[in-house]
N, C-alpha and C. Protein backbone atom coordinates (compact mmCIF):
# COMPACT_ATOMS: atom_id res chain seq x y z
N MET A 1 84.36 110.39 99.39
CA MET A 1 84.30 110.44 97.95
C MET A 1 83.72 109.13 97.44
N ARG A 2 82.89 109.28 96.45
CA ARG A 2 82.31 108.12 95.79
C ARG A 2 82.63 108.26 94.30
N VAL A 3 83.09 107.17 93.71
CA VAL A 3 83.49 107.23 92.31
C VAL A 3 82.96 106.00 91.57
N LEU A 4 82.34 106.26 90.46
CA LEU A 4 81.93 105.19 89.56
C LEU A 4 82.85 105.29 88.34
N PHE A 5 83.75 104.32 88.22
CA PHE A 5 84.68 104.29 87.09
C PHE A 5 84.05 103.50 85.94
N TRP A 6 84.21 104.01 84.75
CA TRP A 6 83.79 103.32 83.53
C TRP A 6 85.00 103.24 82.60
N TYR A 7 85.13 102.14 81.92
CA TYR A 7 86.05 102.13 80.79
C TYR A 7 85.17 102.28 79.55
N CYS A 8 85.44 103.31 78.76
CA CYS A 8 84.61 103.60 77.60
C CYS A 8 85.41 103.52 76.31
N ASP A 9 84.86 102.79 75.36
CA ASP A 9 85.45 102.79 74.02
C ASP A 9 85.34 104.18 73.42
N ARG A 10 84.24 104.87 73.77
CA ARG A 10 84.05 106.26 73.35
C ARG A 10 83.22 106.96 74.43
N PHE A 11 83.62 108.19 74.75
CA PHE A 11 82.90 109.01 75.72
C PHE A 11 82.87 110.44 75.18
N ALA A 12 81.67 111.01 75.11
CA ALA A 12 81.52 112.36 74.57
C ALA A 12 80.58 113.17 75.45
N TRP A 13 80.75 114.50 75.40
CA TRP A 13 79.85 115.36 76.15
C TRP A 13 79.56 116.63 75.37
N ASN A 14 78.40 117.20 75.72
CA ASN A 14 77.97 118.47 75.16
C ASN A 14 77.34 119.26 76.31
N PRO A 15 77.95 120.37 76.73
CA PRO A 15 77.38 121.16 77.82
C PRO A 15 75.97 121.62 77.46
N SER A 16 75.02 121.38 78.38
CA SER A 16 73.63 121.74 78.06
C SER A 16 73.04 122.78 79.00
N ILE A 17 73.29 122.66 80.30
CA ILE A 17 72.73 123.62 81.27
C ILE A 17 73.84 124.06 82.22
N LYS A 18 74.08 125.35 82.28
CA LYS A 18 75.08 125.91 83.20
C LYS A 18 74.46 125.95 84.59
N THR A 19 75.16 125.35 85.58
CA THR A 19 74.63 125.30 86.94
C THR A 19 75.38 126.23 87.90
N LEU A 20 76.54 126.71 87.50
CA LEU A 20 77.31 127.67 88.30
C LEU A 20 77.57 128.90 87.44
N ASP A 21 77.20 130.06 87.98
CA ASP A 21 77.29 131.30 87.20
C ASP A 21 78.73 131.69 86.83
N ASP A 22 79.69 131.39 87.69
CA ASP A 22 81.04 131.90 87.49
C ASP A 22 81.97 130.98 86.71
N VAL A 23 81.44 129.96 86.04
CA VAL A 23 82.30 129.07 85.26
C VAL A 23 82.38 129.57 83.82
N PRO A 24 83.49 129.30 83.15
CA PRO A 24 83.63 129.77 81.77
C PRO A 24 82.73 128.99 80.80
N ASP A 25 82.53 129.57 79.63
CA ASP A 25 81.80 128.86 78.59
C ASP A 25 82.54 127.57 78.27
N ALA A 26 81.81 126.57 77.85
CA ALA A 26 82.40 125.25 77.63
C ALA A 26 82.00 124.71 76.27
N ALA A 27 82.82 123.78 75.78
CA ALA A 27 82.60 123.20 74.46
C ALA A 27 82.40 121.69 74.56
N SER A 28 81.85 121.13 73.51
CA SER A 28 81.70 119.69 73.38
C SER A 28 83.06 119.06 73.13
N ASP A 29 83.17 117.78 73.46
CA ASP A 29 84.40 117.05 73.19
C ASP A 29 84.09 115.56 73.22
N ALA A 30 85.01 114.77 72.71
CA ALA A 30 84.86 113.32 72.70
C ALA A 30 86.23 112.67 72.75
N HIS A 31 86.30 111.51 73.39
CA HIS A 31 87.56 110.77 73.51
C HIS A 31 87.28 109.28 73.38
N GLU A 32 88.29 108.56 72.92
CA GLU A 32 88.17 107.12 72.79
C GLU A 32 89.11 106.42 73.76
N ASN A 33 88.78 105.17 74.07
CA ASN A 33 89.62 104.33 74.92
C ASN A 33 90.03 105.05 76.20
N SER A 34 89.05 105.38 77.01
CA SER A 34 89.27 106.20 78.20
C SER A 34 88.69 105.57 79.46
N VAL A 35 89.38 105.81 80.56
CA VAL A 35 88.80 105.56 81.87
C VAL A 35 88.07 106.84 82.26
N VAL A 36 86.79 106.73 82.56
CA VAL A 36 85.98 107.88 82.94
C VAL A 36 85.59 107.72 84.40
N ALA A 37 85.93 108.71 85.21
CA ALA A 37 85.60 108.67 86.63
C ALA A 37 84.45 109.64 86.90
N PHE A 38 83.28 109.08 87.27
CA PHE A 38 82.14 109.87 87.71
C PHE A 38 82.34 110.10 89.20
N ILE A 39 82.65 111.33 89.60
CA ILE A 39 83.14 111.62 90.94
C ILE A 39 82.16 112.46 91.75
N HIS A 40 81.85 111.98 92.94
CA HIS A 40 81.05 112.72 93.90
C HIS A 40 81.97 113.10 95.06
N VAL A 41 82.27 114.39 95.19
CA VAL A 41 83.15 114.88 96.26
C VAL A 41 82.30 115.29 97.45
N GLU A 42 82.65 114.76 98.62
CA GLU A 42 81.93 115.06 99.85
C GLU A 42 82.73 116.06 100.69
N PRO A 43 82.09 116.75 101.64
CA PRO A 43 82.80 117.74 102.45
C PRO A 43 84.06 117.20 103.12
N ARG A 44 84.02 115.99 103.63
CA ARG A 44 85.19 115.43 104.33
C ARG A 44 86.39 115.23 103.39
N ASP A 45 86.14 115.18 102.07
CA ASP A 45 87.21 114.97 101.09
C ASP A 45 88.07 116.21 100.88
N VAL A 46 87.56 117.36 101.26
CA VAL A 46 88.30 118.60 101.04
C VAL A 46 88.69 119.29 102.35
N GLU A 47 88.42 118.62 103.46
CA GLU A 47 88.77 119.16 104.77
C GLU A 47 89.89 118.34 105.39
N GLY A 48 90.87 119.00 105.93
CA GLY A 48 91.92 118.31 106.67
C GLY A 48 92.78 117.38 105.84
N GLN A 49 93.05 116.20 106.38
CA GLN A 49 94.01 115.26 105.81
C GLN A 49 93.33 114.10 105.07
N SER A 50 92.38 114.38 104.24
CA SER A 50 91.68 113.32 103.51
C SER A 50 92.63 112.64 102.52
N SER A 51 92.49 111.34 102.40
CA SER A 51 93.29 110.58 101.43
C SER A 51 92.49 110.30 100.16
N ALA A 52 91.29 110.85 100.05
CA ALA A 52 90.40 110.55 98.92
C ALA A 52 91.04 110.94 97.59
N GLU A 53 91.67 112.08 97.51
CA GLU A 53 92.29 112.53 96.26
C GLU A 53 93.36 111.54 95.80
N THR A 54 94.21 111.13 96.72
CA THR A 54 95.27 110.16 96.39
C THR A 54 94.66 108.84 95.94
N LYS A 55 93.63 108.38 96.62
CA LYS A 55 92.98 107.11 96.25
C LYS A 55 92.31 107.23 94.88
N LEU A 56 91.72 108.37 94.59
CA LEU A 56 91.13 108.60 93.27
C LEU A 56 92.18 108.45 92.19
N VAL A 57 93.31 109.11 92.35
CA VAL A 57 94.38 109.08 91.36
C VAL A 57 94.93 107.66 91.22
N LYS A 58 95.21 107.00 92.33
CA LYS A 58 95.76 105.63 92.28
C LYS A 58 94.81 104.66 91.60
N ASN A 59 93.53 104.74 91.92
CA ASN A 59 92.55 103.84 91.31
C ASN A 59 92.38 104.12 89.82
N ALA A 60 92.39 105.39 89.43
CA ALA A 60 92.29 105.74 88.01
C ALA A 60 93.49 105.20 87.24
N LYS A 61 94.68 105.35 87.80
CA LYS A 61 95.89 104.83 87.15
C LYS A 61 95.85 103.31 87.07
N TRP A 62 95.41 102.64 88.13
CA TRP A 62 95.33 101.18 88.13
C TRP A 62 94.40 100.69 87.02
N LEU A 63 93.22 101.31 86.92
CA LEU A 63 92.27 100.87 85.91
C LEU A 63 92.77 101.19 84.50
N ALA A 64 93.39 102.33 84.33
CA ALA A 64 93.96 102.68 83.02
C ALA A 64 95.01 101.67 82.61
N ARG A 65 95.84 101.24 83.54
CA ARG A 65 96.85 100.21 83.21
C ARG A 65 96.18 98.90 82.80
N LYS A 66 95.12 98.52 83.49
CA LYS A 66 94.39 97.29 83.15
C LYS A 66 93.87 97.34 81.71
N TRP A 67 93.43 98.52 81.28
CA TRP A 67 92.89 98.68 79.93
C TRP A 67 93.94 99.15 78.93
N GLU A 68 95.17 99.28 79.37
CA GLU A 68 96.29 99.71 78.51
C GLU A 68 95.99 101.03 77.80
N THR A 69 95.55 102.01 78.60
CA THR A 69 95.28 103.34 78.08
C THR A 69 95.95 104.37 78.97
N LYS A 70 96.19 105.53 78.43
CA LYS A 70 96.74 106.65 79.21
C LYS A 70 95.71 107.78 79.34
N ARG A 71 94.49 107.55 78.86
CA ARG A 71 93.46 108.59 78.86
C ARG A 71 92.56 108.42 80.08
N VAL A 72 92.43 109.50 80.89
CA VAL A 72 91.54 109.51 82.05
C VAL A 72 90.69 110.77 81.97
N ILE A 73 89.39 110.60 82.12
CA ILE A 73 88.46 111.73 82.10
C ILE A 73 87.82 111.84 83.48
N LEU A 74 87.88 113.04 84.05
CA LEU A 74 87.30 113.31 85.36
C LEU A 74 85.97 114.04 85.15
N HIS A 75 84.90 113.46 85.67
CA HIS A 75 83.56 114.02 85.47
C HIS A 75 82.88 114.23 86.82
N SER A 76 82.50 115.46 87.10
CA SER A 76 81.80 115.76 88.35
C SER A 76 80.39 115.18 88.27
N PHE A 77 80.07 114.34 89.26
CA PHE A 77 78.78 113.66 89.28
C PHE A 77 78.29 113.66 90.72
N THR A 78 77.58 114.71 91.10
CA THR A 78 77.17 114.88 92.50
C THR A 78 75.87 114.16 92.82
N HIS A 79 75.68 113.00 92.23
CA HIS A 79 74.43 112.25 92.42
C HIS A 79 74.66 110.91 93.10
N LEU A 80 75.83 110.69 93.66
CA LEU A 80 76.14 109.40 94.28
C LEU A 80 76.00 109.43 95.80
N GLY A 81 75.65 110.57 96.36
CA GLY A 81 75.51 110.68 97.81
C GLY A 81 74.73 111.92 98.17
N GLU A 82 74.43 112.05 99.47
CA GLU A 82 73.64 113.18 99.96
C GLU A 82 74.47 114.43 100.18
N GLU A 83 75.62 114.28 100.83
CA GLU A 83 76.44 115.44 101.18
C GLU A 83 77.36 115.82 100.02
N LYS A 84 77.41 117.12 99.71
CA LYS A 84 78.23 117.60 98.61
C LYS A 84 79.22 118.63 99.12
N ALA A 85 80.44 118.55 98.61
CA ALA A 85 81.46 119.53 98.96
C ALA A 85 81.14 120.87 98.30
N ASP A 86 81.67 121.93 98.87
CA ASP A 86 81.58 123.25 98.27
C ASP A 86 82.11 123.17 96.83
N PRO A 87 81.42 123.76 95.84
CA PRO A 87 81.85 123.65 94.45
C PRO A 87 83.29 124.12 94.19
N GLY A 88 83.70 125.19 94.83
CA GLY A 88 85.07 125.68 94.63
C GLY A 88 86.11 124.70 95.14
N SER A 89 85.87 124.13 96.29
CA SER A 89 86.79 123.14 96.87
C SER A 89 86.82 121.86 96.04
N ALA A 90 85.65 121.44 95.57
CA ALA A 90 85.59 120.23 94.75
C ALA A 90 86.33 120.45 93.44
N LYS A 91 86.15 121.60 92.81
CA LYS A 91 86.86 121.89 91.55
C LYS A 91 88.36 121.92 91.77
N ALA A 92 88.81 122.46 92.89
CA ALA A 92 90.25 122.48 93.20
C ALA A 92 90.78 121.05 93.32
N LEU A 93 90.00 120.16 93.93
CA LEU A 93 90.40 118.75 94.04
C LEU A 93 90.51 118.13 92.64
N PHE A 94 89.55 118.42 91.77
CA PHE A 94 89.61 117.92 90.38
C PHE A 94 90.88 118.42 89.70
N ASP A 95 91.19 119.70 89.87
CA ASP A 95 92.37 120.27 89.23
C ASP A 95 93.65 119.61 89.74
N ARG A 96 93.73 119.37 91.04
CA ARG A 96 94.92 118.71 91.61
C ARG A 96 95.04 117.28 91.10
N ALA A 97 93.92 116.55 91.05
CA ALA A 97 93.94 115.18 90.55
C ALA A 97 94.37 115.15 89.09
N GLN A 98 93.87 116.06 88.28
CA GLN A 98 94.26 116.13 86.88
C GLN A 98 95.76 116.38 86.76
N HIS A 99 96.26 117.32 87.53
CA HIS A 99 97.70 117.63 87.50
C HIS A 99 98.53 116.41 87.90
N ARG A 100 98.12 115.71 88.93
CA ARG A 100 98.86 114.52 89.37
C ARG A 100 98.86 113.44 88.30
N LEU A 101 97.74 113.25 87.63
CA LEU A 101 97.68 112.27 86.56
C LEU A 101 98.59 112.68 85.39
N GLU A 102 98.54 113.94 85.02
CA GLU A 102 99.39 114.43 83.92
C GLU A 102 100.87 114.31 84.26
N THR A 103 101.22 114.61 85.50
CA THR A 103 102.61 114.49 85.95
C THR A 103 103.08 113.04 85.86
N ALA A 104 102.16 112.09 86.04
CA ALA A 104 102.48 110.66 85.97
C ALA A 104 102.43 110.12 84.54
N GLY A 105 102.21 111.00 83.56
CA GLY A 105 102.24 110.57 82.16
C GLY A 105 100.89 110.23 81.55
N TYR A 106 99.80 110.55 82.23
CA TYR A 106 98.47 110.28 81.71
C TYR A 106 97.93 111.51 81.00
N LYS A 107 97.03 111.29 80.06
CA LYS A 107 96.34 112.37 79.35
C LYS A 107 95.02 112.58 80.07
N ALA A 108 95.00 113.46 81.03
CA ALA A 108 93.82 113.69 81.85
C ALA A 108 93.08 114.93 81.38
N VAL A 109 91.76 114.82 81.34
CA VAL A 109 90.90 115.95 81.00
C VAL A 109 89.71 115.94 81.95
N GLN A 110 89.02 117.06 82.01
CA GLN A 110 87.81 117.17 82.80
C GLN A 110 86.65 117.54 81.88
N THR A 111 85.49 116.98 82.18
CA THR A 111 84.29 117.48 81.51
C THR A 111 84.03 118.86 82.08
N PRO A 112 83.26 119.70 81.37
CA PRO A 112 83.00 121.05 81.86
C PRO A 112 82.39 121.05 83.26
N TYR A 113 83.09 121.67 84.20
CA TYR A 113 82.64 121.75 85.58
C TYR A 113 81.60 122.86 85.69
N GLY A 114 80.53 122.59 86.44
CA GLY A 114 79.48 123.59 86.62
C GLY A 114 78.43 123.54 85.53
N TYR A 115 78.34 122.41 84.86
CA TYR A 115 77.35 122.20 83.80
C TYR A 115 76.69 120.84 83.97
N PHE A 116 75.45 120.75 83.54
CA PHE A 116 74.87 119.47 83.21
C PHE A 116 75.27 119.25 81.76
N ASN A 117 75.76 118.06 81.47
CA ASN A 117 76.23 117.75 80.13
C ASN A 117 75.39 116.62 79.53
N ASP A 118 75.09 116.76 78.25
CA ASP A 118 74.54 115.63 77.52
C ASP A 118 75.71 114.67 77.33
N LEU A 119 75.54 113.41 77.70
CA LEU A 119 76.62 112.43 77.62
C LEU A 119 76.29 111.34 76.62
N SER A 120 77.34 110.85 76.00
CA SER A 120 77.24 109.70 75.12
C SER A 120 78.39 108.78 75.47
N LEU A 121 78.08 107.52 75.75
CA LEU A 121 79.17 106.60 76.08
C LEU A 121 78.92 105.23 75.49
N ASP A 122 80.02 104.62 75.09
CA ASP A 122 80.02 103.24 74.63
C ASP A 122 80.94 102.48 75.56
N ALA A 123 80.39 101.50 76.27
CA ALA A 123 81.16 100.73 77.24
C ALA A 123 80.97 99.25 76.99
N GLN A 124 82.04 98.53 77.19
CA GLN A 124 82.01 97.08 77.00
C GLN A 124 81.31 96.39 78.17
N GLY A 125 80.79 95.20 77.90
CA GLY A 125 80.20 94.37 78.95
C GLY A 125 81.29 93.51 79.56
N HIS A 126 82.12 94.12 80.37
CA HIS A 126 83.28 93.45 80.97
C HIS A 126 83.31 93.82 82.45
N PRO A 127 83.74 92.91 83.34
CA PRO A 127 83.74 93.22 84.78
C PRO A 127 84.57 94.45 85.15
N LEU A 128 85.62 94.74 84.40
CA LEU A 128 86.45 95.91 84.71
C LEU A 128 85.98 97.17 83.98
N ALA A 129 84.86 97.10 83.28
CA ALA A 129 84.35 98.27 82.58
C ALA A 129 83.51 99.18 83.49
N ARG A 130 83.13 98.67 84.67
CA ARG A 130 82.36 99.44 85.63
C ARG A 130 82.79 99.05 87.04
N ILE A 131 83.35 100.02 87.74
CA ILE A 131 83.82 99.75 89.10
C ILE A 131 83.42 100.91 90.00
N TYR A 132 82.80 100.59 91.13
CA TYR A 132 82.40 101.59 92.10
C TYR A 132 83.36 101.56 93.29
N LYS A 133 83.79 102.74 93.73
CA LYS A 133 84.66 102.86 94.91
C LYS A 133 84.14 103.95 95.81
N GLU A 134 84.28 103.71 97.10
CA GLU A 134 83.96 104.72 98.10
C GLU A 134 85.19 104.88 98.97
N PHE A 135 85.71 106.10 99.05
CA PHE A 135 86.94 106.36 99.83
C PHE A 135 86.60 107.16 101.08
């Protein structure tokens, strides 16, 4: 798994191109003061005993605490590596991570899965506003 975390003063999306036929229709949304995780799920992350999901959740919570926010946005971003997990397995990982964050008291949401989204973000020029992790 490869993740590019951003802390955004504002992050918004508008679904523009549907890339998976079986996903539901999606709507635009926007959030403020959020940790946004651009996530690339690889095949090894959904096979066997991978710890990538746990590391994703722990790192998102750590960064949210640093920024004193409870908002975490999970965004599928399959452009950080060559190998991509099966879309169904990757979406299941996103759903589990969201549930784990919510259970821990965070307000977790996902951008529309199976879409290219028009994105708008405002991010500070701070060392903790952009962090890359590979698990």
